[in-house]
Every structure is written in C-alpha cells, then in structure tokens.
C-alpha atoms as a PDB file:
ATOM      1  CA  UNK A   1    -180.168 -12.403 -51.979  1.00  0.00           C
ATOM      2  CA  UNK A   2    -182.234 -10.311 -54.438  1.00  0.00           C
ATOM      3  CA  UNK A   3    -181.423  -7.160 -52.454  1.00  0.00           C
ATOM      4  CA  UNK A   4    -177.688  -7.930 -52.662  1.00  0.00           C
ATOM      5  CA  UNK A   5    -177.856  -8.426 -56.436  1.00  0.00           C
ATOM      6  CA  UNK A   6    -179.910  -5.246 -56.848  1.00  0.00           C
ATOM      7  CA  UNK A   7    -177.434  -3.238 -54.729  1.00  0.00           C
ATOM      8  CA  UNK A   8    -174.447  -4.614 -56.642  1.00  0.00           C
ATOM      9  CA  UNK A   9    -176.135  -3.812 -59.967  1.00  0.00           C
ATOM     10  CA  UNK A  10    -176.844  -0.257 -58.833  1.00  0.00           C
ATOM     11  CA  UNK A  11    -173.241   0.179 -57.727  1.00  0.00           C
ATOM     12  CA  UNK A  12    -171.957  -1.047 -61.099  1.00  0.00           C
ATOM     13  CA  UNK A  13    -174.319   1.348 -62.919  1.00  0.00           C
ATOM     14  CA  UNK A  14    -173.199   4.295 -60.779  1.00  0.00           C
ATOM     15  CA  UNK A  15    -169.526   3.512 -61.377  1.00  0.00           C
ATOM     16  CA  UNK A  16    -170.156   3.156 -65.115  1.00  0.00           C
ATOM     17  CA  UNK A  17    -171.858   6.576 -65.255  1.00  0.00           C
ATOM     18  CA  UNK A  18    -169.096   8.174 -63.201  1.00  0.00           C
ATOM     19  CA  UNK A  19    -166.495   6.657 -65.529  1.00  0.00           C
ATOM     20  CA  UNK A  20    -168.358   7.940 -68.578  1.00  0.00           C
ATOM     21  CA  UNK A  21    -168.559  11.463 -67.092  1.00  0.00           C
ATOM     22  CA  UNK A  22    -164.824  11.358 -66.325  1.00  0.00           C
ATOM     23  CA  UNK A  23    -164.002  10.126 -69.839  1.00  0.00           C
ATOM     24  CA  UNK A  24    -166.117  12.921 -71.361  1.00  0.00           C
ATOM     25  CA  UNK A  25    -164.421  15.434 -69.018  1.00  0.00           C
ATOM     26  CA  UNK A  26    -167.779  16.580 -67.672  1.00  0.00           C
ATOM     27  CA  UNK A  27    -167.791  18.593 -64.478  1.00  0.00           C
ATOM     28  CA  UNK A  28    -164.191  19.762 -64.701  1.00  0.00           C
ATOM     29  CA  UNK A  29    -163.697  23.075 -62.969  1.00  0.00           C
ATOM     30  CA  UNK A  30    -162.348  25.556 -65.523  1.00  0.00           C
ATOM     31  CA  UNK A  31    -159.181  27.393 -64.640  1.00  0.00           C
ATOM     32  CA  UNK A  32    -157.896  30.819 -65.554  1.00  0.00           C
ATOM     33  CA  UNK A  33    -154.312  29.619 -65.690  1.00  0.00           C
ATOM     34  CA  UNK A  34    -153.017  31.048 -68.967  1.00  0.00           C
ATOM     35  CA  UNK A  35    -153.323  34.106 -71.192  1.00  0.00           C
ATOM     36  CA  UNK A  36    -155.271  31.983 -73.686  1.00  0.00           C
ATOM     37  CA  UNK A  37    -157.771  30.934 -70.988  1.00  0.00           C
ATOM     38  CA  UNK A  38    -158.228  34.574 -69.935  1.00  0.00           C
ATOM     39  CA  UNK A  39    -158.724  35.594 -73.577  1.00  0.00           C
ATOM     40  CA  UNK A  40    -161.399  32.903 -74.070  1.00  0.00           C
ATOM     41  CA  UNK A  41    -163.177  33.814 -70.833  1.00  0.00           C
ATOM     42  CA  UNK A  42    -163.125  37.539 -71.653  1.00  0.00           C
ATOM     43  CA  UNK A  43    -164.670  36.808 -75.062  1.00  0.00           C
ATOM     44  CA  UNK A  44    -167.404  34.774 -73.316  1.00  0.00           C
ATOM     45  CA  UNK A  45    -168.165  37.655 -70.965  1.00  0.00           C
ATOM     46  CA  UNK A  46    -168.206  40.421 -73.581  1.00  0.00           C
ATOM     47  CA  UNK A  47    -167.955  39.990 -77.306  1.00  0.00           C
ATOM     48  CA  UNK A  48    -165.069  42.016 -78.711  1.00  0.00           C
ATOM     49  CA  UNK A  49    -163.110  42.378 -75.466  1.00  0.00           C
ATOM     50  CA  UNK A  50    -159.531  41.583 -76.520  1.00  0.00           C
ATOM     51  CA  UNK A  51    -157.058  41.745 -73.605  1.00  0.00           C
ATOM     52  CA  UNK A  52    -153.689  43.397 -74.158  1.00  0.00           C
ATOM     53  CA  UNK A  53    -152.626  42.884 -70.533  1.00  0.00           C
ATOM     54  CA  UNK A  54    -153.800  40.324 -68.009  1.00  0.00           C
ATOM     55  CA  UNK A  55    -152.958  38.770 -64.665  1.00  0.00           C
ATOM     56  CA  UNK A  56    -154.539  35.603 -63.333  1.00  0.00           C
ATOM     57  CA  UNK A  57    -154.271  33.176 -60.439  1.00  0.00           C
ATOM     58  CA  UNK A  58    -156.227  30.168 -61.691  1.00  0.00           C
ATOM     59  CA  UNK A  59    -159.495  31.119 -59.987  1.00  0.00           C
ATOM     60  CA  UNK A  60    -159.860  34.699 -61.199  1.00  0.00           C
ATOM     61  CA  UNK A  61    -158.321  37.107 -63.680  1.00  0.00           C
ATOM     62  CA  UNK A  62    -158.095  40.780 -64.458  1.00  0.00           C
ATOM     63  CA  UNK A  63    -157.545  42.112 -67.966  1.00  0.00           C
ATOM     64  CA  UNK A  64    -157.233  45.411 -69.812  1.00  0.00           C
ATOM     65  CA  UNK A  65    -158.047  45.955 -73.475  1.00  0.00           C
ATOM     66  CA  UNK A  66    -156.590  48.451 -75.957  1.00  0.00           C
ATOM     67  CA  UNK A  67    -159.295  51.025 -75.115  1.00  0.00           C
ATOM     68  CA  UNK A  68    -158.295  50.961 -71.448  1.00  0.00           C
ATOM     69  CA  UNK A  69    -161.358  49.076 -70.250  1.00  0.00           C
ATOM     70  CA  UNK A  70    -160.688  46.726 -67.327  1.00  0.00           C
ATOM     71  CA  UNK A  71    -162.513  43.443 -66.852  1.00  0.00           C
ATOM     72  CA  UNK A  72    -162.511  41.230 -63.783  1.00  0.00           C
ATOM     73  CA  UNK A  73    -163.378  37.560 -64.315  1.00  0.00           C
ATOM     74  CA  UNK A  74    -164.130  34.874 -61.761  1.00  0.00           C
ATOM     75  CA  UNK A  75    -165.181  31.264 -61.840  1.00  0.00           C
ATOM     76  CA  UNK A  76    -168.892  30.744 -61.304  1.00  0.00           C
ATOM     77  CA  UNK A  77    -169.638  27.031 -61.067  1.00  0.00           C
ATOM     78  CA  UNK A  78    -168.166  25.445 -64.176  1.00  0.00           C
ATOM     79  CA  UNK A  79    -168.358  28.674 -66.210  1.00  0.00           C
ATOM     80  CA  UNK A  80    -166.969  32.185 -65.916  1.00  0.00           C
ATOM     81  CA  UNK A  81    -168.617  35.417 -64.882  1.00  0.00           C
ATOM     82  CA  UNK A  82    -167.075  38.792 -65.466  1.00  0.00           C
ATOM     83  CA  UNK A  83    -167.686  42.500 -65.440  1.00  0.00           C
ATOM     84  CA  UNK A  84    -166.203  45.397 -67.333  1.00  0.00           C
ATOM     85  CA  UNK A  85    -165.484  47.760 -64.474  1.00  0.00           C
ATOM     86  CA  UNK A  86    -166.975  51.228 -64.403  1.00  0.00           C
ATOM     87  CA  UNK A  87    -166.668  54.316 -62.206  1.00  0.00           C
ATOM     88  CA  UNK A  88    -168.402  52.570 -59.294  1.00  0.00           C
ATOM     89  CA  UNK A  89    -165.631  49.935 -59.025  1.00  0.00           C
ATOM     90  CA  UNK A  90    -163.103  50.101 -56.205  1.00  0.00           C
ATOM     91  CA  UNK A  91    -159.922  48.157 -55.567  1.00  0.00           C
ATOM     92  CA  UNK A  92    -157.357  47.812 -52.862  1.00  0.00           C
ATOM     93  CA  UNK A  93    -154.464  45.694 -51.771  1.00  0.00           C
ATOM     94  CA  UNK A  94    -155.312  43.090 -49.162  1.00  0.00           C
ATOM     95  CA  UNK A  95    -152.362  42.623 -46.825  1.00  0.00           C
ATOM     96  CA  UNK A  96    -151.400  39.538 -44.886  1.00  0.00           C
ATOM     97  CA  UNK A  97    -147.989  39.120 -43.241  1.00  0.00           C
ATOM     98  CA  UNK A  98    -145.574  38.458 -46.103  1.00  0.00           C
ATOM     99  CA  UNK A  99    -148.341  38.372 -48.708  1.00  0.00           C
ATOM    100  CA  UNK A 100    -150.560  40.778 -50.600  1.00  0.00           C
ATOM    101  CA  UNK A 101    -153.434  40.301 -53.034  1.00  0.00           C
ATOM    102  CA  UNK A 102    -155.745  42.446 -55.125  1.00  0.00           C
ATOM    103  CA  UNK A 103    -159.273  43.009 -53.824  1.00  0.00           C
ATOM    104  CA  UNK A 104    -161.752  44.189 -56.468  1.00  0.00           C
ATOM    105  CA  UNK A 105    -165.286  45.368 -55.740  1.00  0.00           C
ATOM    106  CA  UNK A 106    -167.083  45.727 -59.069  1.00  0.00           C
ATOM    107  CA  UNK A 107    -169.705  48.003 -57.557  1.00  0.00           C
ATOM    108  CA  UNK A 108    -172.377  45.398 -58.248  1.00  0.00           C
ATOM    109  CA  UNK A 109    -173.556  43.746 -55.056  1.00  0.00           C
ATOM    110  CA  UNK A 110    -174.662  40.557 -56.838  1.00  0.00           C
ATOM    111  CA  UNK A 111    -171.225  40.075 -58.432  1.00  0.00           C
ATOM    112  CA  UNK A 112    -169.408  40.395 -55.133  1.00  0.00           C
ATOM    113  CA  UNK A 113    -165.789  41.034 -54.272  1.00  0.00           C
ATOM    114  CA  UNK A 114    -163.020  39.223 -56.108  1.00  0.00           C
ATOM    115  CA  UNK A 115    -159.598  38.488 -54.621  1.00  0.00           C
ATOM    116  CA  UNK A 116    -156.678  37.845 -56.977  1.00  0.00           C
ATOM    117  CA  UNK A 117    -153.319  36.507 -55.865  1.00  0.00           C
ATOM    118  CA  UNK A 118    -151.243  38.247 -58.528  1.00  0.00           C
ATOM    119  CA  UNK A 119    -147.891  40.017 -58.735  1.00  0.00           C
ATOM    120  CA  UNK A 120    -147.963  43.815 -58.320  1.00  0.00           C
ATOM    121  CA  UNK A 121    -151.578  44.181 -57.155  1.00  0.00           C
ATOM    122  CA  UNK A 122    -150.927  47.877 -56.452  1.00  0.00           C
ATOM    123  CA  UNK A 123    -150.688  48.651 -60.185  1.00  0.00           C
ATOM    124  CA  UNK A 124    -154.093  47.140 -60.916  1.00  0.00           C
ATOM    125  CA  UNK A 125    -155.658  48.776 -57.843  1.00  0.00           C
ATOM    126  CA  UNK A 126    -154.477  52.211 -58.999  1.00  0.00           C
ATOM    127  CA  UNK A 127    -155.794  51.624 -62.527  1.00  0.00           C
ATOM    128  CA  UNK A 128    -159.201  50.508 -61.239  1.00  0.00           C
ATOM    129  CA  UNK A 129    -159.512  53.411 -58.809  1.00  0.00           C
ATOM    130  CA  UNK A 130    -158.667  55.857 -61.634  1.00  0.00           C
ATOM    131  CA  UNK A 131    -161.858  54.697 -63.416  1.00  0.00           C
ATOM    132  CA  UNK A 132    -163.889  56.786 -60.961  1.00  0.00           C
ATOM    133  CA  UNK A 133    -162.041  60.013 -61.822  1.00  0.00           C
ATOM    134  CA  UNK A 134    -164.149  62.279 -64.028  1.00  0.00           C
ATOM    135  CA  UNK A 135    -162.741  62.650 -67.520  1.00  0.00           C
ATOM    136  CA  UNK A 136    -162.997  65.573 -69.892  1.00  0.00           C
ATOM    137  CA  UNK A 137    -164.779  64.900 -73.172  1.00  0.00           C
END
C-alpha cells in the first residue's frame, strides 16, 4: 500500500511540474515565422544586423541588411544560431519533383548546411554565390 501511495504522489508531483513548465511557456521551440522574429533572431546573432529583406520558413531564415551582408539563421535547440555569410559560402537550389528549396552551406563545417523552403530560392542562391566574387576596393 505504501508503494502505491508513493507512486501516486510522485505522479502528482510530476504532473504539477509539467503544468508549471507549460504555464511558464518553458521549452517552447522558437519559430522564425515572421519578419519580427527574424529581426529579433538576427539581433541575437550579431549586434547591429538590421534586415532590410528576409525570407523564412519557420525553422530557418535568410536575411540581407542595408550593407548587402547576408545572414542565415537556424534553430538550435530552443535558441537560434546564425552566420553572416562570407566568400566561402555556397548556395544552390535543391530540386524535388514539383518543389524547390534553398540549400545554404555557410562554409563552416560545424554550422552545417541549412535548407529553407522559401519562394524564389534562385534569387538568394545567386546573391550568396556572388559573395565569393572578388571585389575591387
């Protein structure tokens, strides 16, 4: 009988803690589902990065600022990770029958490849691949 009471008490305590975590909105997976969310995430990644253009699919985003820098952002646990892309970055359009998506390789092995299900992925791929072109000073 003591084991039954102890088990029931533990179950009640677990449910109470789960309810408290839910009420406090702990553990929610963040989403990149609006321009405001992308703006906040970009500011978390790099102070002063202010997007003037962005596309997002809820799980990842790509943004360009007024200086022409391009940032790719992805969810990493319950936070965001991002990189301002440099000349080593490469992008392409991933094709599936009736569907295409943007594939971005930041050039950093630890960051990995990011896939974005966005409209007009070709435009972003061209802009990213132009980052590797040498520029005159």
